[in-house]
């Protein structure tokens, strides 16, 4: 059995968490809906929290995007670190909450 390169998991609010290479990213619920039903690319964001002299500050930055592959059978998630792919059927099952998580596979970059 091959180890997985990452995985996606659903949140209680309807969004997705993307775990790849010890990093955690998010896709907002409204962006997941747009991706599944309209095929619109969805921003993949990452939250960073800093502690400065007792004050907690943070920022949310767009680190990449998720888009349906042109063949229509997979979702490609691209970040600064690389690209990962997941079958569209598995992506939809996680987004609808039918399954808790699904594996991501390292995509081929061209």
C-alpha atoms as a PDB file:
ATOM      1  CA  UNK A   1       0.000   0.000   0.000  1.00  0.00           C
ATOM      2  CA  UNK A   2       1.326   3.430  -0.940  1.00  0.00           C
ATOM      3  CA  UNK A   3       1.356   6.187   1.661  1.00  0.00           C
ATOM      4  CA  UNK A   4      -0.904   9.113   0.886  1.00  0.00           C
ATOM      5  CA  UNK A   5       0.584  12.486   0.043  1.00  0.00           C
ATOM      6  CA  UNK A   6      -2.136  14.375   1.898  1.00  0.00           C
ATOM      7  CA  UNK A   7      -5.855  14.342   2.568  1.00  0.00           C
ATOM      8  CA  UNK A   8      -8.937  16.531   2.657  1.00  0.00           C
ATOM      9  CA  UNK A   9     -11.491  16.518   5.444  1.00  0.00           C
ATOM     10  CA  UNK A  10     -14.848  18.208   5.917  1.00  0.00           C
ATOM     11  CA  UNK A  11     -15.595  20.774   8.601  1.00  0.00           C
ATOM     12  CA  UNK A  12     -18.779  21.204  10.600  1.00  0.00           C
ATOM     13  CA  UNK A  13     -19.495  24.460   8.735  1.00  0.00           C
ATOM     14  CA  UNK A  14     -19.355  22.782   5.319  1.00  0.00           C
ATOM     15  CA  UNK A  15     -15.897  23.841   4.221  1.00  0.00           C
ATOM     16  CA  UNK A  16     -12.861  21.670   3.641  1.00  0.00           C
ATOM     17  CA  UNK A  17      -9.498  21.336   5.334  1.00  0.00           C
ATOM     18  CA  UNK A  18      -6.600  20.330   3.099  1.00  0.00           C
ATOM     19  CA  UNK A  19      -3.617  18.648   4.809  1.00  0.00           C
ATOM     20  CA  UNK A  20      -0.468  18.401   2.682  1.00  0.00           C
ATOM     21  CA  UNK A  21       3.173  18.175   3.696  1.00  0.00           C
ATOM     22  CA  UNK A  22       2.586  19.177   7.345  1.00  0.00           C
ATOM     23  CA  UNK A  23       0.627  22.254   6.235  1.00  0.00           C
ATOM     24  CA  UNK A  24      -3.057  22.915   6.777  1.00  0.00           C
ATOM     25  CA  UNK A  25      -5.138  24.889   4.292  1.00  0.00           C
ATOM     26  CA  UNK A  26      -8.855  25.706   4.062  1.00  0.00           C
ATOM     27  CA  UNK A  27     -11.472  26.036   1.350  1.00  0.00           C
ATOM     28  CA  UNK A  28     -14.525  28.086   2.407  1.00  0.00           C
ATOM     29  CA  UNK A  29     -18.018  26.501   2.177  1.00  0.00           C
ATOM     30  CA  UNK A  30     -19.261  28.941  -0.478  1.00  0.00           C
ATOM     31  CA  UNK A  31     -16.146  28.274  -2.574  1.00  0.00           C
ATOM     32  CA  UNK A  32     -16.667  24.506  -2.320  1.00  0.00           C
ATOM     33  CA  UNK A  33     -20.230  24.954  -3.602  1.00  0.00           C
ATOM     34  CA  UNK A  34     -19.051  27.089  -6.515  1.00  0.00           C
ATOM     35  CA  UNK A  35     -16.364  24.561  -7.392  1.00  0.00           C
ATOM     36  CA  UNK A  36     -18.693  21.559  -7.392  1.00  0.00           C
ATOM     37  CA  UNK A  37     -21.753  23.054  -9.065  1.00  0.00           C
ATOM     38  CA  UNK A  38     -20.309  25.773 -11.330  1.00  0.00           C
ATOM     39  CA  UNK A  39     -16.746  24.626 -11.874  1.00  0.00           C
ATOM     40  CA  UNK A  40     -15.376  27.959 -10.592  1.00  0.00           C
ATOM     41  CA  UNK A  41     -11.839  27.782  -9.163  1.00  0.00           C
ATOM     42  CA  UNK A  42     -11.796  28.099  -5.376  1.00  0.00           C
ATOM     43  CA  UNK A  43      -9.108  29.921  -3.379  1.00  0.00           C
ATOM     44  CA  UNK A  44      -7.131  27.816  -0.934  1.00  0.00           C
ATOM     45  CA  UNK A  45      -6.292  29.851   2.161  1.00  0.00           C
ATOM     46  CA  UNK A  46      -3.982  29.435   5.125  1.00  0.00           C
ATOM     47  CA  UNK A  47      -4.201  31.092   8.531  1.00  0.00           C
ATOM     48  CA  UNK A  48      -1.096  32.249  10.331  1.00  0.00           C
ATOM     49  CA  UNK A  49      -1.204  33.252  13.990  1.00  0.00           C
ATOM     50  CA  UNK A  50       1.566  35.217  15.701  1.00  0.00           C
ATOM     51  CA  UNK A  51       2.097  36.198  19.316  1.00  0.00           C
ATOM     52  CA  UNK A  52       3.636  39.665  19.757  1.00  0.00           C
ATOM     53  CA  UNK A  53       4.157  40.828  23.348  1.00  0.00           C
ATOM     54  CA  UNK A  54       1.124  38.949  24.592  1.00  0.00           C
ATOM     55  CA  UNK A  55      -1.128  40.078  21.736  1.00  0.00           C
ATOM     56  CA  UNK A  56      -2.365  37.495  19.296  1.00  0.00           C
ATOM     57  CA  UNK A  57      -2.362  38.674  15.705  1.00  0.00           C
ATOM     58  CA  UNK A  58      -3.110  36.720  12.603  1.00  0.00           C
ATOM     59  CA  UNK A  59      -3.650  36.883   8.924  1.00  0.00           C
ATOM     60  CA  UNK A  60      -5.391  34.819   6.300  1.00  0.00           C
ATOM     61  CA  UNK A  61      -3.615  34.546   2.977  1.00  0.00           C
ATOM     62  CA  UNK A  62      -4.555  32.889  -0.288  1.00  0.00           C
ATOM     63  CA  UNK A  63      -1.897  30.254  -0.837  1.00  0.00           C
ATOM     64  CA  UNK A  64      -3.265  28.615  -3.997  1.00  0.00           C
ATOM     65  CA  UNK A  65      -6.421  27.412  -5.672  1.00  0.00           C
ATOM     66  CA  UNK A  66      -8.504  24.321  -6.359  1.00  0.00           C
ATOM     67  CA  UNK A  67     -10.025  23.750  -9.795  1.00  0.00           C
ATOM     68  CA  UNK A  68     -11.778  21.000 -11.688  1.00  0.00           C
ATOM     69  CA  UNK A  69      -9.395  19.334 -14.129  1.00  0.00           C
ATOM     70  CA  UNK A  70     -10.291  20.022 -17.794  1.00  0.00           C
ATOM     71  CA  UNK A  71     -11.233  16.351 -18.237  1.00  0.00           C
ATOM     72  CA  UNK A  72     -13.851  16.823 -15.511  1.00  0.00           C
ATOM     73  CA  UNK A  73     -12.942  13.761 -13.471  1.00  0.00           C
ATOM     74  CA  UNK A  74     -10.678  15.242 -10.810  1.00  0.00           C
ATOM     75  CA  UNK A  75      -9.971  18.302  -8.710  1.00  0.00           C
ATOM     76  CA  UNK A  76      -6.460  19.743  -8.806  1.00  0.00           C
ATOM     77  CA  UNK A  77      -5.267  21.623  -5.726  1.00  0.00           C
ATOM     78  CA  UNK A  78      -2.265  23.888  -6.353  1.00  0.00           C
ATOM     79  CA  UNK A  79      -0.244  25.660  -3.679  1.00  0.00           C
ATOM     80  CA  UNK A  80       3.249  27.118  -3.545  1.00  0.00           C
ATOM     81  CA  UNK A  81       4.582  23.721  -2.512  1.00  0.00           C
ATOM     82  CA  UNK A  82       3.157  21.809  -5.483  1.00  0.00           C
ATOM     83  CA  UNK A  83       0.027  20.265  -6.953  1.00  0.00           C
ATOM     84  CA  UNK A  84      -2.193  17.472  -5.651  1.00  0.00           C
ATOM     85  CA  UNK A  85      -5.074  15.690  -7.307  1.00  0.00           C
ATOM     86  CA  UNK A  86      -8.196  13.978  -5.991  1.00  0.00           C
ATOM     87  CA  UNK A  87     -10.947  12.212  -7.949  1.00  0.00           C
ATOM     88  CA  UNK A  88     -14.015  14.453  -8.300  1.00  0.00           C
ATOM     89  CA  UNK A  89     -16.235  11.709  -6.872  1.00  0.00           C
ATOM     90  CA  UNK A  90     -14.164  11.553  -3.675  1.00  0.00           C
ATOM     91  CA  UNK A  91     -14.057  15.352  -3.432  1.00  0.00           C
ATOM     92  CA  UNK A  92     -17.857  15.549  -3.679  1.00  0.00           C
ATOM     93  CA  UNK A  93     -18.358  12.839  -1.050  1.00  0.00           C
ATOM     94  CA  UNK A  94     -16.177  14.707   1.445  1.00  0.00           C
ATOM     95  CA  UNK A  95     -17.798  18.060   0.613  1.00  0.00           C
ATOM     96  CA  UNK A  96     -21.286  16.613   1.170  1.00  0.00           C
ATOM     97  CA  UNK A  97     -20.214  14.971   4.430  1.00  0.00           C
ATOM     98  CA  UNK A  98     -20.796  11.421   3.200  1.00  0.00           C
ATOM     99  CA  UNK A  99     -17.258  10.501   4.208  1.00  0.00           C
ATOM    100  CA  UNK A 100     -14.955  12.154   6.730  1.00  0.00           C
ATOM    101  CA  UNK A 101     -11.828  12.363   4.574  1.00  0.00           C
ATOM    102  CA  UNK A 102     -10.216  11.287   1.322  1.00  0.00           C
ATOM    103  CA  UNK A 103      -6.586  10.973   0.199  1.00  0.00           C
ATOM    104  CA  UNK A 104      -4.799  13.407  -2.087  1.00  0.00           C
ATOM    105  CA  UNK A 105      -2.239  12.218  -4.574  1.00  0.00           C
ATOM    106  CA  UNK A 106       0.817  14.111  -5.760  1.00  0.00           C
ATOM    107  CA  UNK A 107       0.034  15.634  -9.141  1.00  0.00           C
ATOM    108  CA  UNK A 108       2.347  15.870 -12.090  1.00  0.00           C
ATOM    109  CA  UNK A 109       3.513  19.429 -12.697  1.00  0.00           C
ATOM    110  CA  UNK A 110       4.275  20.594 -16.203  1.00  0.00           C
END
